[in-house]
Amino acid sequence: MPFMFENLEVYQKAISLADAILAATAEFPRGYYFLSDQLSRASVPSATNLAEGNGRFTKADRKNFFAIARGSAQECVALMVIASRRKLMPAETNGTNGVT
């Protein structure tokens, strides 16, 4: 039986984002480990904070974890813009609709 948060669309999208980022950054050329690492460290907590927040008992505690998850997702956008400008990721993946 799945946990309640596993049915949330936002959680499923966060997992898909983290998975896509991990796959894309695995192909980054040598010398871009710092960017790959930072993308990984931003994308994975986006999903895990959603899951952890759903396990909290108070509304304020849940809200805090959800805010952290949102911040991590927004961090991914900035990092993906940088990666696309360095031609490491396609521009359409960075959330700016190709505007670089």
C-alpha atoms as a PDB file:
ATOM      1  CA  MET A   1       0.000   0.000   0.000  1.00  0.00           C
ATOM      2  CA  PRO A   2       1.560   3.342  -1.021  1.00  0.00           C
ATOM      3  CA  PHE A   3       2.039   6.236   1.333  1.00  0.00           C
ATOM      4  CA  MET A   4      -0.491   9.037   0.856  1.00  0.00           C
ATOM      5  CA  PHE A   5       2.116  11.436  -0.560  1.00  0.00           C
ATOM      6  CA  GLU A   6       2.969   8.987  -3.347  1.00  0.00           C
ATOM      7  CA  ASN A   7      -0.412   9.748  -4.927  1.00  0.00           C
ATOM      8  CA  LEU A   8       0.257  13.487  -5.058  1.00  0.00           C
ATOM      9  CA  GLU A   9       0.902  14.811  -8.555  1.00  0.00           C
ATOM     10  CA  VAL A  10       3.477  17.300  -7.260  1.00  0.00           C
ATOM     11  CA  TYR A  11       5.442  14.470  -5.626  1.00  0.00           C
ATOM     12  CA  GLN A  12       5.342  12.364  -8.793  1.00  0.00           C
ATOM     13  CA  LYS A  13       6.569  15.343 -10.838  1.00  0.00           C
ATOM     14  CA  ALA A  14       9.368  16.003  -8.343  1.00  0.00           C
ATOM     15  CA  ILE A  15      10.492  12.368  -8.625  1.00  0.00           C
ATOM     16  CA  SER A  16      10.399  12.602 -12.436  1.00  0.00           C
ATOM     17  CA  LEU A  17      12.401  15.841 -12.337  1.00  0.00           C
ATOM     18  CA  ALA A  18      15.051  14.339 -10.063  1.00  0.00           C
ATOM     19  CA  ASP A  19      15.269  11.231 -12.244  1.00  0.00           C
ATOM     20  CA  ALA A  20      15.607  13.292 -15.444  1.00  0.00           C
ATOM     21  CA  ILE A  21      18.261  15.524 -13.893  1.00  0.00           C
ATOM     22  CA  LEU A  22      20.281  12.568 -12.630  1.00  0.00           C
ATOM     23  CA  ALA A  23      20.165  10.998 -16.099  1.00  0.00           C
ATOM     24  CA  ALA A  24      21.094  14.241 -17.869  1.00  0.00           C
ATOM     25  CA  THR A  25      23.945  15.140 -15.540  1.00  0.00           C
ATOM     26  CA  ALA A  26      25.484  11.691 -15.871  1.00  0.00           C
ATOM     27  CA  GLU A  27      26.453  12.771 -19.389  1.00  0.00           C
ATOM     28  CA  PHE A  28      28.056  16.089 -18.381  1.00  0.00           C
ATOM     29  CA  PRO A  29      31.657  16.303 -19.568  1.00  0.00           C
ATOM     30  CA  ARG A  30      34.592  16.269 -17.221  1.00  0.00           C
ATOM     31  CA  GLY A  31      35.052  19.603 -15.514  1.00  0.00           C
ATOM     32  CA  TYR A  32      31.358  20.129 -14.816  1.00  0.00           C
ATOM     33  CA  TYR A  33      31.112  17.902 -11.762  1.00  0.00           C
ATOM     34  CA  PHE A  34      30.297  20.938  -9.615  1.00  0.00           C
ATOM     35  CA  LEU A  35      27.206  21.689 -11.704  1.00  0.00           C
ATOM     36  CA  SER A  36      26.131  18.052 -11.842  1.00  0.00           C
ATOM     37  CA  ASP A  37      26.548  17.766  -8.080  1.00  0.00           C
ATOM     38  CA  GLN A  38      24.625  20.968  -7.363  1.00  0.00           C
ATOM     39  CA  LEU A  39      21.760  19.910  -9.655  1.00  0.00           C
ATOM     40  CA  SER A  40      21.573  16.556  -7.901  1.00  0.00           C
ATOM     41  CA  ARG A  41      21.654  18.173  -4.469  1.00  0.00           C
ATOM     42  CA  ALA A  42      18.785  20.484  -5.476  1.00  0.00           C
ATOM     43  CA  SER A  43      16.543  18.052  -7.354  1.00  0.00           C
ATOM     44  CA  VAL A  44      16.494  15.124  -4.951  1.00  0.00           C
ATOM     45  CA  PRO A  45      15.527  17.182  -1.853  1.00  0.00           C
ATOM     46  CA  SER A  46      12.640  18.675  -3.793  1.00  0.00           C
ATOM     47  CA  ALA A  47      10.993  15.233  -3.754  1.00  0.00           C
ATOM     48  CA  THR A  48      12.224  14.092  -0.360  1.00  0.00           C
ATOM     49  CA  ASN A  49      11.033  17.238   1.430  1.00  0.00           C
ATOM     50  CA  LEU A  50       7.555  16.726  -0.022  1.00  0.00           C
ATOM     51  CA  ALA A  51       7.571  13.189   1.354  1.00  0.00           C
ATOM     52  CA  GLU A  52       8.982  14.186   4.731  1.00  0.00           C
ATOM     53  CA  GLY A  53       6.592  17.114   5.056  1.00  0.00           C
ATOM     54  CA  ASN A  54       3.631  14.810   4.546  1.00  0.00           C
ATOM     55  CA  GLY A  55       4.794  12.786   7.528  1.00  0.00           C
ATOM     56  CA  ARG A  56       4.811  15.759   9.886  1.00  0.00           C
ATOM     57  CA  PHE A  57       2.040  16.230  12.409  1.00  0.00           C
ATOM     58  CA  THR A  58       1.632  19.985  12.552  1.00  0.00           C
ATOM     59  CA  LYS A  59       0.480  22.209   9.722  1.00  0.00           C
ATOM     60  CA  ALA A  60       3.349  24.651  10.344  1.00  0.00           C
ATOM     61  CA  ASP A  61       5.939  21.870  10.164  1.00  0.00           C
ATOM     62  CA  ARG A  62       4.446  20.506   6.926  1.00  0.00           C
ATOM     63  CA  LYS A  63       4.346  23.999   5.445  1.00  0.00           C
ATOM     64  CA  ASN A  64       8.035  24.499   6.241  1.00  0.00           C
ATOM     65  CA  PHE A  65       9.039  21.307   4.413  1.00  0.00           C
ATOM     66  CA  PHE A  66       6.864  22.210   1.426  1.00  0.00           C
ATOM     67  CA  ALA A  67       8.487  25.662   1.262  1.00  0.00           C
ATOM     68  CA  ILE A  68      11.936  24.056   1.285  1.00  0.00           C
ATOM     69  CA  ALA A  69      10.850  21.688  -1.520  1.00  0.00           C
ATOM     70  CA  ARG A  70       9.630  24.644  -3.595  1.00  0.00           C
ATOM     71  CA  GLY A  71      12.925  26.459  -3.026  1.00  0.00           C
ATOM     72  CA  SER A  72      14.879  23.410  -4.165  1.00  0.00           C
ATOM     73  CA  ALA A  73      12.788  23.165  -7.339  1.00  0.00           C
ATOM     74  CA  GLN A  74      13.424  26.844  -8.080  1.00  0.00           C
ATOM     75  CA  GLU A  75      17.140  26.308  -7.507  1.00  0.00           C
ATOM     76  CA  CYS A  76      16.996  23.613 -10.197  1.00  0.00           C
ATOM     77  CA  VAL A  77      15.620  26.130 -12.694  1.00  0.00           C
ATOM     78  CA  ALA A  78      18.561  28.485 -12.211  1.00  0.00           C
ATOM     79  CA  LEU A  79      21.055  25.625 -12.462  1.00  0.00           C
ATOM     80  CA  MET A  80      19.406  24.266 -15.617  1.00  0.00           C
ATOM     81  CA  VAL A  81      19.596  27.718 -17.230  1.00  0.00           C
ATOM     82  CA  ILE A  82      23.326  27.755 -16.533  1.00  0.00           C
ATOM     83  CA  ALA A  83      23.676  24.210 -17.896  1.00  0.00           C
ATOM     84  CA  SER A  84      21.753  25.084 -21.055  1.00  0.00           C
ATOM     85  CA  ARG A  85      23.858  28.199 -21.631  1.00  0.00           C
ATOM     86  CA  ARG A  86      26.945  25.981 -21.398  1.00  0.00           C
ATOM     87  CA  LYS A  87      25.247  23.679 -23.961  1.00  0.00           C
ATOM     88  CA  LEU A  88      25.085  20.837 -21.441  1.00  0.00           C
ATOM     89  CA  MET A  89      21.265  20.585 -21.536  1.00  0.00           C
ATOM     90  CA  PRO A  90      18.689  21.544 -24.152  1.00  0.00           C
ATOM     91  CA  ALA A  91      17.213  25.015 -23.537  1.00  0.00           C
ATOM     92  CA  GLU A  92      13.644  23.649 -23.454  1.00  0.00           C
ATOM     93  CA  THR A  93      14.431  21.712 -20.268  1.00  0.00           C
ATOM     94  CA  ASN A  94      15.244  24.775 -18.203  1.00  0.00           C
ATOM     95  CA  GLY A  95      11.795  26.240 -17.766  1.00  0.00           C
ATOM     96  CA  THR A  96      12.534  29.429 -19.711  1.00  0.00           C
ATOM     97  CA  ASN A  97      10.962  28.241 -22.993  1.00  0.00           C
ATOM     98  CA  GLY A  98      14.263  28.528 -24.821  1.00  0.00           C
ATOM     99  CA  VAL A  99      15.039  32.087 -23.679  1.00  0.00           C
ATOM    100  CA  THR A 100      18.679  32.197 -22.713  1.00  0.00           C
END
